[in-house]
Protein backbone atom coordinates (compact mmCIF):
# COMPACT_ATOMS: atom_id res chain seq x y z
CA MET A 1 -9.82 2.93 -1.44
CA GLU A 2 -12.93 4.88 -2.47
CA GLU A 3 -14.37 4.30 0.98
CA LEU A 4 -11.15 5.51 2.58
CA LEU A 5 -11.10 8.69 0.52
CA ARG A 6 -14.74 9.30 1.43
CA VAL A 7 -13.81 9.11 5.11
CA ILE A 8 -10.87 11.46 4.67
CA ALA A 9 -12.90 13.94 2.65
CA LYS A 10 -15.55 13.92 5.37
CA TYR A 11 -13.06 14.95 8.02
CA THR A 12 -11.09 17.40 5.94
CA SER A 13 -14.02 19.32 4.52
CA SER A 14 -14.31 22.87 5.78
CA ILE A 15 -16.49 23.37 8.81
CA THR A 16 -18.84 26.30 8.98
CA LEU A 17 -16.76 29.33 9.92
CA ILE A 18 -17.77 32.41 11.85
CA ILE A 19 -18.00 35.31 9.41
CA LEU A 20 -14.72 37.16 9.59
CA PHE A 21 -16.09 40.68 9.73
CA MET A 22 -18.04 39.71 12.90
CA GLN A 23 -14.80 39.18 14.85
CA SER A 24 -14.93 42.58 16.48
CA TYR A 25 -18.26 41.63 18.10
CA ILE A 26 -16.96 38.29 19.41
CA TYR A 27 -13.69 39.46 20.93
CA ALA A 28 -13.51 42.29 23.42
CA GLN A 29 -10.56 43.90 21.73
CA PRO A 30 -10.97 44.76 18.03
CA ILE A 31 -8.40 43.40 15.60
CA ASP A 32 -6.97 45.12 12.56
CA ASN A 33 -7.41 43.91 9.04
CA THR A 34 -3.93 42.40 8.62
CA PRO A 35 -4.57 38.96 10.23
CA VAL A 36 -8.03 38.82 8.65
CA MET A 37 -6.47 39.36 5.25
CA HIS A 38 -3.79 36.71 5.94
CA SER A 39 -6.43 34.19 6.99
CA SER A 40 -8.82 34.95 4.14
CA TYR A 41 -6.06 34.83 1.54
CA GLY A 42 -4.63 31.67 3.08
CA ARG A 43 -7.96 29.87 2.82
CA GLU A 44 -8.30 30.97 -0.78
CA LEU A 45 -4.84 29.57 -1.58
CA VAL A 46 -5.64 26.26 0.13
CA LEU A 47 -8.86 25.95 -1.87
CA ARG A 48 -6.83 26.57 -5.05
CA GLY A 49 -4.43 23.77 -4.08
CA GLU A 50 -1.51 26.06 -3.16
CA TYR A 51 -1.22 24.40 0.22
CA GLU A 52 2.21 25.42 1.44
CA LYS A 53 1.76 29.08 0.57
CA GLY A 54 -1.78 29.05 1.96
CA ILE A 55 -0.73 27.45 5.22
CA GLY A 56 1.98 30.10 5.54
CA GLU A 57 -0.69 32.82 5.38
CA LEU A 58 -2.98 30.97 7.80
CA ARG A 59 -0.13 30.49 10.24
CA GLU A 60 0.76 34.18 10.05
CA ALA A 61 -2.81 35.11 11.06
CA TYR A 62 -2.82 32.57 13.89
CA LEU A 63 0.53 33.74 15.29
CA LEU A 64 -0.70 37.33 15.31
CA PHE A 65 -3.87 36.35 17.25
CA PRO A 66 -3.38 32.85 18.77
CA LEU A 67 -6.55 33.19 20.88
CA ASN A 68 -8.73 33.76 17.84
CA LEU A 69 -10.58 30.49 17.40
CA THR A 70 -11.38 31.09 13.75
CA PHE A 71 -7.74 31.64 12.82
CA LYS A 72 -6.80 28.56 14.82
CA ARG A 73 -9.44 26.40 13.15
CA ASN A 74 -8.54 27.69 9.68
CA LEU A 75 -4.91 26.72 10.23
CA ALA A 76 -5.83 23.25 11.52
CA GLU A 77 -8.13 22.67 8.55
CA GLY A 78 -5.36 23.85 6.22
CA TYR A 79 -2.96 21.26 7.64
CA ALA A 80 -5.63 18.55 7.41
CA ALA A 81 -6.50 19.49 3.81
CA TYR A 82 -2.83 19.37 2.81
CA GLY A 83 -2.52 16.05 4.61
CA HIS A 84 -5.47 14.77 2.58
CA ARG A 85 -3.83 15.79 -0.70
CA LEU A 86 -0.55 14.12 0.30
CA PHE A 87 -2.40 11.00 1.43
CA LYS A 88 -4.12 10.69 -1.94
CA GLN A 89 -0.66 10.86 -3.52
CA LYS A 90 0.45 8.05 -1.17
CA ARG A 91 3.02 10.39 0.38
CA TYR A 92 2.13 9.07 3.79
CA GLU A 93 5.12 10.41 5.74
CA GLN A 94 4.44 13.97 4.63
CA ALA A 95 0.71 13.54 5.19
CA ASP A 96 1.42 12.37 8.72
CA GLU A 97 3.48 15.48 9.44
CA ASN A 98 0.49 17.66 8.58
CA TYR A 99 -1.95 15.57 10.62
CA ILE A 100 0.39 15.95 13.60
CA LYS A 101 0.30 19.74 13.22
CA ALA A 102 -3.50 19.71 13.04
CA LEU A 103 -3.61 17.57 16.18
CA GLU A 104 -1.25 19.91 18.02
CA LEU A 105 -3.85 22.63 17.54
CA TYR A 106 -6.84 20.39 18.39
CA PRO A 107 -5.66 17.35 20.43
CA GLU A 108 -9.25 16.31 21.17
CA GLU A 109 -10.41 16.37 17.55
CA SER A 110 -11.38 12.76 16.83
CA GLY A 111 -11.35 13.32 13.07
CA TYR A 112 -7.69 14.37 13.07
CA ALA A 113 -6.74 11.43 15.30
CA LEU A 114 -8.61 9.10 12.93
CA LEU A 115 -6.80 10.50 9.91
CA ARG A 116 -3.41 10.13 11.55
CA GLY A 117 -4.30 6.60 12.62
CA ILE A 118 -5.27 5.64 9.05
CA CYS A 119 -2.09 7.21 7.69
CA ASN A 120 0.14 5.28 10.10
CA TYR A 121 -1.73 2.07 9.35
CA HIS A 122 -0.63 2.50 5.73
CA LEU A 123 2.90 3.23 6.93
CA LYS A 124 2.70 -0.02 8.94
CA LYS A 125 3.57 1.94 12.07
CA TYR A 126 1.06 -0.08 13.99
CA ASP A 127 1.83 1.24 17.49
CA VAL A 128 1.23 4.83 16.41
CA ALA A 129 -1.85 3.86 14.42
CA ARG A 130 -3.31 1.95 17.38
CA TYR A 131 -2.67 4.85 19.77
CA GLU A 132 -4.35 7.42 17.52
CA LEU A 133 -7.30 5.19 16.63
CA GLU A 134 -7.92 4.25 20.25
CA ARG A 135 -7.78 7.95 21.11
CA ALA A 136 -10.33 8.65 18.36
CA LYS A 137 -12.50 5.81 19.66
CA PHE A 138 -12.37 7.23 23.19
CA ILE A 139 -13.55 10.62 21.91
CA ARG A 140 -16.21 9.15 19.58
CA GLU A 141 -17.04 5.67 20.76
CA ASN A 142 -19.45 4.79 17.96
CA SER A 143 -17.43 5.97 14.96
CA ILE A 144 -17.76 3.22 12.36
CA GLU A 145 -14.63 4.35 10.52
CA THR A 146 -12.55 4.25 13.71
CA LEU A 147 -13.77 0.75 14.55
CA TYR A 148 -13.07 -0.35 10.98
CA TYR A 149 -9.45 0.83 10.90
CA LEU A 150 -8.67 -0.09 14.49
CA GLY A 151 -9.84 -3.57 13.57
CA LEU A 152 -7.41 -3.60 10.62
CA VAL A 153 -4.55 -2.66 12.92
CA GLN A 154 -5.47 -5.35 15.43
CA PHE A 155 -5.86 -7.98 12.74
CA ASP A 156 -2.54 -7.18 11.09
CA THR A 157 -0.75 -7.36 14.45
CA ASP A 158 -2.22 -10.80 15.20
CA HIS A 159 -4.92 -9.63 17.65
CA ARG A 160 -7.56 -11.27 15.54
CA GLN A 161 -10.31 -11.82 18.06
CA GLU A 162 -10.16 -8.16 19.07
CA ALA A 163 -10.38 -7.20 15.39
CA ILE A 164 -13.44 -9.39 14.86
CA GLU A 165 -15.15 -7.87 17.90
CA LEU A 166 -14.48 -4.33 16.63
CA TRP A 167 -15.88 -5.15 13.18
CA GLU A 168 -18.92 -6.83 14.72
CA GLN A 169 -19.53 -3.67 16.76
CA ALA A 170 -19.20 -1.55 13.61
CA LEU A 171 -21.58 -3.83 11.70
CA LYS A 172 -24.22 -3.40 14.40
CA LEU A 173 -23.96 0.35 13.88
CA SER A 174 -24.10 -0.02 10.09
CA PRO A 175 -25.89 -3.26 9.16
CA GLY A 176 -25.28 -4.45 5.63
CA ARG A 177 -22.07 -2.49 5.09
CA LYS A 178 -20.27 -4.62 2.50
CA GLU A 179 -16.64 -4.01 3.42
CA LEU A 180 -17.38 -4.98 7.04
CA ILE A 181 -19.22 -8.12 5.98
CA ASP A 182 -16.34 -9.08 3.67
CA LEU A 183 -13.71 -8.41 6.34
CA LEU A 184 -15.55 -10.48 8.93
CA GLU A 185 -15.99 -13.35 6.51
CA LYS A 186 -12.28 -13.30 5.61
CA ALA A 187 -11.18 -12.98 9.26
CA ARG A 188 -13.36 -15.86 10.43
CA ARG A 189 -12.17 -18.02 7.54
CA GLU A 190 -8.52 -17.35 8.38
CA ASN A 191 -9.12 -17.82 12.09
CA ALA A 192 -10.70 -21.21 11.50
CA VAL A 193 -7.63 -22.33 9.55
CA GLU A 194 -4.87 -20.67 11.58
CA SER A 195 -6.07 -20.99 15.18
CA THR A 196 -4.20 -24.29 15.67
CA MET A 197 -1.08 -23.38 13.71
CA ASP A 198 2.41 -23.37 15.20
CA HIS A 199 4.64 -20.29 15.32
CA GLY A 200 8.22 -19.31 14.59
CA HIS A 201 10.17 -16.15 13.86
CA SER A 202 13.43 -14.75 12.55
CA SER A 203 14.93 -11.26 12.50
CA ARG A 204 12.46 -9.94 9.89
CA PHE A 205 9.65 -12.50 9.73
CA ASP A 206 6.84 -13.91 11.88
CA LEU A 207 5.81 -17.41 10.83
CA THR A 208 2.69 -19.47 11.37
CA TYR A 209 2.56 -22.96 9.92
CA ASP A 210 0.30 -25.98 9.81
CA PRO A 211 1.02 -28.36 12.73
CA TYR A 212 1.71 -31.17 10.25
CA VAL A 213 4.50 -29.16 8.57
CA ASN A 214 8.01 -30.33 9.44
CA THR A 215 9.47 -27.77 11.88
CA GLU A 216 12.94 -27.94 10.35
CA PHE A 217 11.45 -27.24 6.94
CA ALA A 218 9.44 -24.29 8.31
CA LEU A 219 12.58 -22.76 9.84
CA ALA A 220 14.48 -23.38 6.60
CA VAL A 221 11.80 -21.35 4.80
CA LEU A 222 12.61 -18.44 7.12
CA GLU A 223 16.32 -18.76 6.34
CA VAL A 224 15.64 -18.54 2.61
CA LEU A 225 13.37 -15.53 3.13
CA GLU A 226 16.14 -13.82 5.12
CA SER A 227 18.48 -14.40 2.16
CA ALA A 228 15.84 -12.97 -0.18
CA ALA A 229 15.46 -9.91 2.03
CA ASN A 230 19.22 -9.28 1.93
CA LEU A 231 19.57 -9.69 -1.84
CA ILE A 232 16.40 -7.90 -2.96
CA GLY A 233 16.77 -5.21 -0.32
CA ALA A 234 20.31 -4.46 -1.50
CA GLU A 235 19.25 -4.39 -5.17
CA LEU A 236 16.27 -2.08 -4.66
CA GLY A 237 17.53 -0.22 -1.61
CA VAL A 238 14.61 -1.13 0.66
CA PHE A 239 14.50 -2.96 3.98
CA PRO A 240 10.94 -2.70 5.38
CA GLU A 241 10.76 -1.69 9.04
CA ALA A 242 7.64 -3.71 9.80
CA ARG A 243 8.01 -7.43 10.38
CA VAL A 244 6.62 -9.53 7.55
CA PRO A 245 4.07 -12.24 8.42
CA VAL A 246 4.45 -15.61 6.67
CA ALA A 247 2.00 -18.54 6.70
CA ILE A 248 2.52 -22.10 5.46
CA TYR A 249 -0.67 -24.07 4.74
CA LYS A 250 -1.64 -27.41 3.38
CA ARG A 251 -3.03 -26.93 -0.13
CA SER A 252 -6.73 -27.17 0.83
CA ASP A 253 -6.37 -24.56 3.58
CA TYR A 254 -4.36 -22.31 1.25
CA LYS A 255 -7.25 -22.42 -1.21
CA THR A 256 -9.74 -21.64 1.58
CA VAL A 257 -7.80 -18.63 2.86
CA THR A 258 -6.64 -17.07 -0.42
CA ASP A 259 -9.32 -18.20 -2.90
CA SER A 260 -6.47 -18.41 -5.41
CA PRO A 261 -6.66 -20.34 -8.68
CA ASP A 262 -5.34 -23.90 -8.67
CA TRP A 263 -2.15 -22.88 -10.50
CA SER A 264 -1.13 -20.42 -7.75
CA GLY A 265 2.14 -21.30 -5.99
CA GLY A 266 2.15 -18.42 -3.50
CA PHE A 267 0.26 -15.28 -2.58
CA TYR A 268 1.07 -11.94 -0.95
CA ASP A 269 -1.63 -9.74 0.57
CA GLY A 270 0.35 -8.26 3.46
CA THR A 271 1.16 -11.83 4.49
CA ILE A 272 3.31 -14.18 2.43
CA ARG A 273 1.02 -17.21 2.06
CA LEU A 274 2.52 -20.51 0.89
CA PRO A 275 0.89 -23.86 0.01
CA PHE A 276 3.92 -25.86 1.24
CA GLY A 277 2.16 -28.06 3.79
CA SER A 278 3.20 -31.36 2.22
CA LEU A 279 6.85 -30.43 1.57
CA ASN A 280 9.85 -31.24 3.72
CA GLN A 281 12.93 -29.86 1.97
CA ILE A 282 14.07 -26.69 0.25
CA THR A 283 14.52 -27.21 -3.50
CA PRO A 284 15.45 -24.70 -6.24
CA PRO A 285 11.74 -24.28 -7.23
CA ILE A 286 10.90 -23.57 -3.57
CA ARG A 287 13.66 -20.95 -3.38
CA GLU A 288 12.25 -19.43 -6.55
CA VAL A 289 8.79 -19.06 -5.00
CA LEU A 290 10.18 -17.57 -1.77
CA PHE A 291 12.30 -14.98 -3.58
CA HIS A 292 9.34 -14.21 -5.86
CA GLU A 293 6.95 -13.62 -2.97
CA TYR A 294 9.41 -11.54 -0.97
CA ALA A 295 9.94 -9.31 -4.01
CA HIS A 296 6.23 -8.45 -3.78
CA VAL A 297 6.84 -7.21 -0.22
CA VAL A 298 9.50 -4.77 -1.44
CA VAL A 299 7.51 -3.63 -4.49
CA PHE A 300 4.52 -2.89 -2.25
CA GLU A 301 6.76 -0.98 0.16
CA LEU A 302 8.15 1.17 -2.65
CA THR A 303 4.90 1.81 -4.51
CA ARG A 304 2.36 1.82 -1.63
CA GLY A 305 0.46 -0.75 -3.69
CA ASN A 306 0.27 1.59 -6.70
CA CYS A 307 1.86 -0.81 -9.18
CA PRO A 308 0.48 -2.46 -12.33
CA LEU A 309 0.37 -6.22 -11.91
CA TRP A 310 2.65 -7.07 -14.84
CA LEU A 311 5.46 -4.91 -13.45
CA ASN A 312 4.96 -6.33 -9.96
CA GLU A 313 4.99 -9.90 -11.23
CA GLY A 314 7.79 -9.26 -13.71
CA ILE A 315 10.08 -7.96 -10.96
CA ALA A 316 9.13 -10.89 -8.73
CA GLU A 317 9.87 -13.31 -11.58
CA MET A 318 13.26 -11.68 -12.11
CA PHE A 319 14.33 -12.35 -8.54
CA GLY A 320 12.71 -15.78 -8.44
CA ARG A 321 14.45 -16.88 -11.62
CA MET A 322 17.81 -15.94 -10.11
CA GLN A 323 17.24 -19.00 -7.93
CA HIS A 324 15.68 -21.31 -10.49
CA ASN A 325 15.46 -20.26 -14.12
CA ARG A 326 12.91 -22.14 -16.22
CA PRO A 327 12.15 -22.16 -19.95
CA LEU A 328 9.60 -19.73 -21.41
CA PRO A 329 7.57 -21.98 -23.72
CA GLU A 330 4.32 -19.99 -23.75
CA PHE A 331 6.19 -16.73 -24.34
CA GLY A 332 8.25 -18.25 -27.15
CA LYS A 333 5.13 -19.58 -28.88
CA ALA A 334 3.26 -16.27 -28.53
CA ALA A 335 6.26 -14.30 -29.79
CA ARG A 336 6.63 -16.54 -32.85
CA THR A 337 2.92 -16.38 -33.72
CA GLY A 338 2.42 -12.69 -32.95
CA ASN A 339 0.05 -13.40 -30.06
CA LEU A 340 1.72 -11.45 -27.26
CA ILE A 341 -0.70 -9.83 -24.79
CA ASN A 342 -1.17 -6.07 -24.67
CA PHE A 343 0.45 -4.96 -21.41
CA ARG A 344 -2.40 -2.61 -20.57
CA SER A 345 -4.61 -5.68 -20.22
CA LEU A 346 -2.10 -7.14 -17.74
CA GLU A 347 -2.26 -4.30 -15.23
CA ALA A 348 -4.98 -5.61 -12.92
CA ASN A 349 -5.66 -9.33 -12.42
CA PHE A 350 -4.35 -12.70 -13.63
CA ASN A 351 -6.70 -14.80 -11.48
CA GLU A 352 -9.30 -15.36 -14.20
CA PHE A 353 -6.70 -16.69 -16.62
CA THR A 354 -6.42 -20.34 -17.62
CA PRO A 355 -3.14 -22.01 -16.53
CA SER A 356 -1.62 -21.52 -20.01
CA SER A 357 -2.75 -17.88 -20.25
CA ALA A 358 -1.44 -17.20 -16.75
CA ALA A 359 1.89 -18.79 -17.66
CA LEU A 360 2.13 -16.48 -20.69
CA ALA A 361 1.23 -13.45 -18.57
CA TYR A 362 4.00 -14.21 -16.06
CA GLN A 363 6.57 -15.09 -18.72
CA GLN A 364 5.80 -12.01 -20.81
CA SER A 365 5.97 -9.79 -17.73
CA TYR A 366 9.35 -11.28 -16.88
CA ALA A 367 10.59 -10.82 -20.43
CA LEU A 368 9.79 -7.10 -20.45
CA VAL A 369 11.24 -6.44 -16.98
CA ASN A 370 14.37 -8.38 -17.96
CA TYR A 371 14.65 -6.19 -21.06
CA MET A 372 14.19 -3.04 -18.96
CA ALA A 373 16.84 -4.12 -16.45
CA THR A 374 19.43 -4.99 -19.12
CA THR A 375 18.66 -2.02 -21.37
CA TYR A 376 18.06 0.82 -18.89
CA GLY A 377 19.39 -0.60 -15.61
CA TRP A 378 17.81 -1.51 -12.29
CA HIS A 379 18.13 2.09 -11.15
CA LYS A 380 15.57 3.09 -13.80
CA ILE A 381 13.15 0.39 -12.62
CA LYS A 382 13.69 1.66 -9.08
CA GLY A 383 12.92 5.17 -10.36
CA ILE A 384 9.63 3.94 -11.84
CA LEU A 385 8.70 2.31 -8.52
CA ASP A 386 9.60 5.46 -6.59
CA ASN A 387 7.47 7.55 -8.94
CA LEU A 388 4.55 5.18 -8.43
CA GLY A 389 5.04 5.44 -4.68
CA GLY A 390 4.83 9.21 -5.02
CA GLY A 391 1.31 8.87 -6.42
CA ASN A 392 2.10 9.25 -10.12
CA SER A 393 0.22 7.24 -12.71
CA PHE A 394 2.08 4.46 -14.46
CA ASP A 395 2.32 6.45 -17.70
CA GLU A 396 3.75 9.42 -15.78
CA SER A 397 6.13 7.21 -13.81
CA ILE A 398 7.67 5.64 -16.91
CA SER A 399 7.94 8.96 -18.74
CA LEU A 400 9.71 10.55 -15.76
CA ALA A 401 12.09 7.64 -15.23
CA LEU A 402 12.92 7.17 -18.93
CA LYS A 403 13.00 10.81 -19.99
CA ASP A 404 16.72 10.46 -20.88
CA TYR A 405 15.64 7.90 -23.47
CA ASN A 406 12.69 10.00 -24.64
CA LEU A 407 10.36 7.06 -23.98
CA ASP A 408 6.86 6.73 -22.56
CA TYR A 409 4.82 3.61 -21.70
CA ASP A 410 3.69 2.85 -25.25
CA SER A 411 7.00 3.61 -26.96
CA MET A 412 8.91 1.58 -24.37
CA THR A 413 6.75 -1.51 -24.91
CA LYS A 414 6.94 -0.97 -28.69
CA GLU A 415 10.73 -0.85 -28.47
CA TRP A 416 10.65 -4.12 -26.51
CA ARG A 417 8.35 -5.79 -29.08
CA ASN A 418 10.71 -4.74 -31.86
CA SER A 419 13.60 -6.35 -30.01
CA VAL A 420 11.57 -9.55 -29.56
CA GLU A 421 10.66 -9.67 -33.25
CA LYS A 422 14.29 -9.11 -34.18
CA GLU A 423 15.37 -11.93 -31.90
CA MET A 424 12.73 -14.27 -33.36
CA LYS A 425 13.92 -13.54 -36.89
CA GLY A 426 17.46 -14.39 -35.90
CA LYS A 427 16.48 -17.89 -34.75
């Protein structure tokens, strides 16, 4: 993400402008001070972060003198700067609207095409992203950033060899660049595993599966995922437009591709990855995993990936346990002994945990989300997810969603702990 923001900042930084009071020397007909004042004030407002008002002033100057290149460039840069702010807030649709307006003024500006391509990649509007990134590549053939993101689009739309070639070209231009090296390593590793896999599809999913997997079982997996999409989509009000890739591996290949710990039963990184290679029938635990993993798809769609891990996993556990509810032994023991984990330490990564610690992390996350759903309602959880998707921090998102209860992150978890302690005393 830091690299992405660096790219965006590069292309949305102000270019050197012709000094405004020199306009009368550049254009044959002098202009009055009104558009100059609009443009100057508009730029000042944009720099202060008052984007909409600033763009209004810049647009006023441009409409008064549409042939004035400085006014035109100022307006385009204003749209791009506002797009950058919205992008950082993960408000990709609104960011895209501003990039479009910048491109309408400068259709041949590769930087604007690149920004719109990146934005639509995050929206999973791959056709639009590919068009804009290929246009940017045509204008600036050796742009490393364009090759990088065009490769991501190609890879995510199953044009893997083309993606690898683009990243290899970028690496030649920037030898040693870590994110390119990591991407190429991951892509080659997945290609080696998945090149011989079979394929299937349903209305919402594209499936690849190990050739030794029973075809009827693979298609049954898709049926369960379709059921998960209907139930979870109805509960959270989200039905992703982009098709969801699914891959079924034998356990050794799953480990190779995901580098997950041995206790992992599924993984979502834009693809639902499942270590089901040796299975041949759908059981309640399998349904649990499939509903769990699909919930991650919806949470990512709502939050743009801006979600603490415990909330993400807790929601996924909620939907998974609707299919197969299991005991909570690690949670019960930790609650009785006062050894529950601080939720702020569960926001990032469970992968380094031992199997027992990971089990506690998942069970505790489920317990809190279950409490939130029964106490405040799913609509409040949905509100938290929407706030996260709007670029708010987790503390802000909870405070906004639970303002009727006068609760913030810490007081909400404290309230939950009190309820757990009360329940333990009653047993």
